N, C-alpha and C. Protein backbone atom coordinates (compact mmCIF):
# COMPACT_ATOMS: atom_id res chain seq x y z
N UNK A 1 0.82 -1.20 0.00
CA UNK A 1 0.00 0.00 0.00
C UNK A 1 0.86 1.25 0.00
N UNK A 2 1.93 1.25 0.79
CA UNK A 2 2.81 2.41 0.88
C UNK A 2 3.33 2.82 -0.51
N UNK A 3 3.74 1.83 -1.29
CA UNK A 3 4.23 2.13 -2.64
C UNK A 3 3.13 2.74 -3.51
N UNK A 4 1.92 2.21 -3.36
CA UNK A 4 0.79 2.75 -4.13
C UNK A 4 0.50 4.20 -3.75
N UNK A 5 0.56 4.49 -2.45
CA UNK A 5 0.28 5.86 -2.01
C UNK A 5 1.37 6.81 -2.49
N UNK A 6 2.62 6.35 -2.47
CA UNK A 6 3.71 7.17 -3.02
C UNK A 6 3.48 7.44 -4.50
N UNK A 7 3.05 6.41 -5.21
CA UNK A 7 2.77 6.56 -6.64
C UNK A 7 1.62 7.55 -6.87
N UNK A 8 0.59 7.48 -6.04
CA UNK A 8 -0.53 8.41 -6.16
C UNK A 8 -0.06 9.85 -5.98
N UNK A 9 0.83 10.07 -5.03
CA UNK A 9 1.36 11.42 -4.80
C UNK A 9 2.17 11.87 -6.02
N UNK A 10 3.02 11.00 -6.53
CA UNK A 10 3.81 11.35 -7.72
C UNK A 10 2.90 11.71 -8.89
N UNK A 11 1.87 10.92 -9.08
CA UNK A 11 0.92 11.20 -10.17
C UNK A 11 0.22 12.53 -9.96
N UNK A 12 -0.20 12.80 -8.74
CA UNK A 12 -0.88 14.06 -8.44
C UNK A 12 0.05 15.25 -8.69
N UNK A 13 1.30 15.12 -8.25
CA UNK A 13 2.26 16.20 -8.46
C UNK A 13 2.56 16.39 -9.94
N UNK A 14 2.38 15.33 -10.72
CA UNK A 14 2.59 15.39 -12.16
C UNK A 14 1.34 15.80 -12.94
N UNK A 15 0.28 16.16 -12.20
CA UNK A 15 -0.93 16.62 -12.86
C UNK A 15 -1.86 15.52 -13.33
N UNK A 16 -1.63 14.29 -12.88
CA UNK A 16 -2.46 13.16 -13.30
C UNK A 16 -3.48 12.84 -12.20
N UNK A 17 -4.44 13.74 -12.06
CA UNK A 17 -5.42 13.67 -10.98
C UNK A 17 -6.21 12.37 -11.01
N UNK A 18 -6.74 12.00 -12.16
CA UNK A 18 -7.59 10.80 -12.26
C UNK A 18 -6.85 9.54 -11.84
N UNK A 19 -5.62 9.38 -12.31
CA UNK A 19 -4.84 8.18 -11.97
C UNK A 19 -4.55 8.15 -10.47
N UNK A 20 -4.21 9.29 -9.90
CA UNK A 20 -3.95 9.36 -8.46
C UNK A 20 -5.22 9.04 -7.67
N UNK A 21 -6.32 9.55 -8.13
CA UNK A 21 -7.61 9.33 -7.47
C UNK A 21 -7.98 7.85 -7.49
N UNK A 22 -7.77 7.19 -8.61
CA UNK A 22 -8.08 5.76 -8.70
C UNK A 22 -7.29 4.95 -7.68
N UNK A 23 -6.05 5.33 -7.45
CA UNK A 23 -5.22 4.61 -6.48
C UNK A 23 -5.74 4.81 -5.06
N UNK A 24 -5.96 6.06 -4.65
CA UNK A 24 -6.35 6.29 -3.25
C UNK A 24 -7.73 5.73 -2.94
N UNK A 25 -8.58 5.62 -3.94
CA UNK A 25 -9.91 5.06 -3.71
C UNK A 25 -9.84 3.59 -3.26
N UNK A 26 -8.76 2.93 -3.55
CA UNK A 26 -8.60 1.53 -3.16
C UNK A 26 -8.34 1.37 -1.66
N UNK A 27 -7.95 2.45 -0.98
CA UNK A 27 -7.53 2.39 0.41
C UNK A 27 -8.32 3.35 1.29
N UNK A 28 -9.62 3.41 1.08
CA UNK A 28 -10.46 4.41 1.75
C UNK A 28 -10.42 4.33 3.27
N UNK A 29 -10.11 3.18 3.83
CA UNK A 29 -10.09 3.04 5.29
C UNK A 29 -8.79 3.55 5.91
N UNK A 30 -7.78 3.81 5.10
CA UNK A 30 -6.48 4.25 5.59
C UNK A 30 -6.44 5.78 5.74
N UNK A 31 -5.94 6.26 6.86
CA UNK A 31 -5.91 7.70 7.14
C UNK A 31 -5.02 8.48 6.16
N UNK A 32 -3.88 7.92 5.80
CA UNK A 32 -2.99 8.62 4.86
C UNK A 32 -3.64 8.69 3.48
N UNK A 33 -4.25 7.60 3.05
CA UNK A 33 -4.94 7.62 1.76
C UNK A 33 -6.09 8.63 1.78
N UNK A 34 -6.80 8.70 2.90
CA UNK A 34 -7.89 9.67 3.03
C UNK A 34 -7.34 11.09 2.94
N UNK A 35 -6.17 11.32 3.52
CA UNK A 35 -5.55 12.64 3.48
C UNK A 35 -5.18 13.00 2.03
N UNK A 36 -4.56 12.06 1.33
CA UNK A 36 -4.24 12.30 -0.08
C UNK A 36 -5.52 12.56 -0.87
N UNK A 37 -6.54 11.78 -0.58
CA UNK A 37 -7.85 11.93 -1.24
C UNK A 37 -8.38 13.35 -1.02
N UNK A 38 -8.24 13.85 0.21
CA UNK A 38 -8.69 15.21 0.53
C UNK A 38 -7.97 16.25 -0.33
N UNK A 39 -6.66 16.08 -0.44
CA UNK A 39 -5.86 17.03 -1.22
C UNK A 39 -6.25 16.96 -2.69
N UNK A 40 -6.49 15.76 -3.19
CA UNK A 40 -6.89 15.62 -4.59
C UNK A 40 -8.19 16.37 -4.87
N UNK A 41 -9.14 16.25 -3.97
CA UNK A 41 -10.41 16.96 -4.19
C UNK A 41 -10.24 18.47 -4.01
N UNK A 42 -9.30 18.87 -3.18
CA UNK A 42 -8.99 20.30 -3.07
C UNK A 42 -8.43 20.80 -4.40
N UNK A 43 -7.53 20.04 -4.99
CA UNK A 43 -6.97 20.41 -6.29
C UNK A 43 -8.08 20.48 -7.35
N UNK A 44 -8.99 19.53 -7.29
CA UNK A 44 -10.09 19.48 -8.25
C UNK A 44 -11.04 20.66 -8.08
N UNK A 45 -11.07 21.23 -6.89
CA UNK A 45 -11.99 22.33 -6.62
C UNK A 45 -13.28 21.89 -5.96
N UNK A 46 -13.37 20.62 -5.58
CA UNK A 46 -14.55 20.07 -4.91
C UNK A 46 -14.31 20.16 -3.40
N UNK A 47 -14.55 21.35 -2.85
CA UNK A 47 -14.19 21.60 -1.45
C UNK A 47 -15.06 20.86 -0.45
N UNK A 48 -16.32 20.61 -0.78
CA UNK A 48 -17.16 19.83 0.13
C UNK A 48 -16.63 18.40 0.26
N UNK A 49 -16.31 17.79 -0.85
CA UNK A 49 -15.75 16.44 -0.84
C UNK A 49 -14.39 16.44 -0.15
N UNK A 50 -13.60 17.47 -0.41
CA UNK A 50 -12.29 17.59 0.23
C UNK A 50 -12.44 17.64 1.75
N UNK A 51 -13.36 18.43 2.25
CA UNK A 51 -13.58 18.51 3.70
C UNK A 51 -13.98 17.15 4.28
N UNK A 52 -14.82 16.43 3.56
CA UNK A 52 -15.22 15.09 4.01
C UNK A 52 -13.98 14.22 4.23
N UNK A 53 -13.07 14.22 3.25
CA UNK A 53 -11.88 13.37 3.36
C UNK A 53 -10.91 13.90 4.41
N UNK A 54 -10.81 15.21 4.57
CA UNK A 54 -9.97 15.75 5.66
C UNK A 54 -10.50 15.29 7.02
N UNK A 55 -11.83 15.30 7.17
CA UNK A 55 -12.41 14.80 8.43
C UNK A 55 -12.08 13.33 8.63
N UNK A 56 -12.23 12.52 7.59
CA UNK A 56 -11.93 11.08 7.69
C UNK A 56 -10.46 10.84 8.05
N UNK A 57 -9.59 11.71 7.54
CA UNK A 57 -8.16 11.57 7.80
C UNK A 57 -7.75 12.15 9.14
N UNK A 58 -8.64 12.93 9.77
CA UNK A 58 -8.28 13.61 11.01
C UNK A 58 -7.30 14.75 10.78
N UNK A 59 -7.41 15.39 9.61
CA UNK A 59 -6.45 16.42 9.21
C UNK A 59 -7.12 17.76 8.86
N UNK A 60 -8.20 18.09 9.55
CA UNK A 60 -8.89 19.35 9.26
C UNK A 60 -7.97 20.56 9.41
N UNK A 61 -6.92 20.42 10.21
CA UNK A 61 -5.98 21.52 10.39
C UNK A 61 -5.16 21.80 9.13
N UNK A 62 -5.20 20.92 8.15
CA UNK A 62 -4.42 21.08 6.92
C UNK A 62 -5.23 21.65 5.77
N UNK A 63 -6.49 21.90 5.98
CA UNK A 63 -7.39 22.25 4.88
C UNK A 63 -6.97 23.51 4.12
N UNK A 64 -6.29 24.42 4.77
CA UNK A 64 -5.89 25.68 4.12
C UNK A 64 -4.50 25.61 3.48
N UNK A 65 -3.82 24.49 3.61
CA UNK A 65 -2.46 24.38 3.07
C UNK A 65 -2.46 24.36 1.54
N UNK A 66 -1.37 24.78 0.98
CA UNK A 66 -1.18 24.75 -0.47
C UNK A 66 -1.04 23.28 -0.87
N UNK A 67 -1.80 22.81 -1.86
CA UNK A 67 -1.85 21.39 -2.18
C UNK A 67 -0.51 20.73 -2.52
N UNK A 68 0.30 21.37 -3.35
CA UNK A 68 1.56 20.74 -3.74
C UNK A 68 2.50 20.58 -2.54
N UNK A 69 2.58 21.59 -1.72
CA UNK A 69 3.42 21.51 -0.52
C UNK A 69 2.88 20.45 0.43
N UNK A 70 1.57 20.38 0.53
CA UNK A 70 0.94 19.37 1.38
C UNK A 70 1.24 17.96 0.88
N UNK A 71 1.14 17.76 -0.42
CA UNK A 71 1.46 16.44 -0.99
C UNK A 71 2.91 16.08 -0.74
N UNK A 72 3.81 17.04 -0.83
CA UNK A 72 5.22 16.76 -0.55
C UNK A 72 5.42 16.36 0.91
N UNK A 73 4.69 16.99 1.81
CA UNK A 73 4.76 16.63 3.24
C UNK A 73 4.27 15.20 3.46
N UNK A 74 3.19 14.85 2.80
CA UNK A 74 2.66 13.48 2.92
C UNK A 74 3.66 12.50 2.32
N UNK A 75 4.28 12.88 1.22
CA UNK A 75 5.27 12.03 0.55
C UNK A 75 6.42 11.72 1.50
N UNK A 76 6.88 12.71 2.24
CA UNK A 76 7.95 12.49 3.22
C UNK A 76 7.49 11.52 4.31
N UNK A 77 6.25 11.66 4.71
CA UNK A 77 5.70 10.79 5.75
C UNK A 77 5.63 9.33 5.31
N UNK A 78 5.25 9.10 4.06
CA UNK A 78 5.14 7.71 3.57
C UNK A 78 6.48 7.18 3.05
N UNK A 79 7.48 8.04 3.01
CA UNK A 79 8.80 7.60 2.60
C UNK A 79 9.03 7.58 1.11
N UNK A 80 8.32 8.43 0.40
CA UNK A 80 8.45 8.44 -1.06
C UNK A 80 9.47 9.40 -1.57
């Protein structure tokens, strides 16, 4: 799973939103995947859906962060 989440972040940073989204959807019960999912919806502009995933991830404090910087922070956390 860790490798998949790292790949999702790489794809998101490369502008491949759909591919990244497909990966994180496979791990909906995981907090890190939910956090990535939140950032993806923030990038998409779907802020209601983004808030839902931030709540699931327990990361409401990150909702105002810049998405690319946030993804890089998550990438460091997962070891990517």
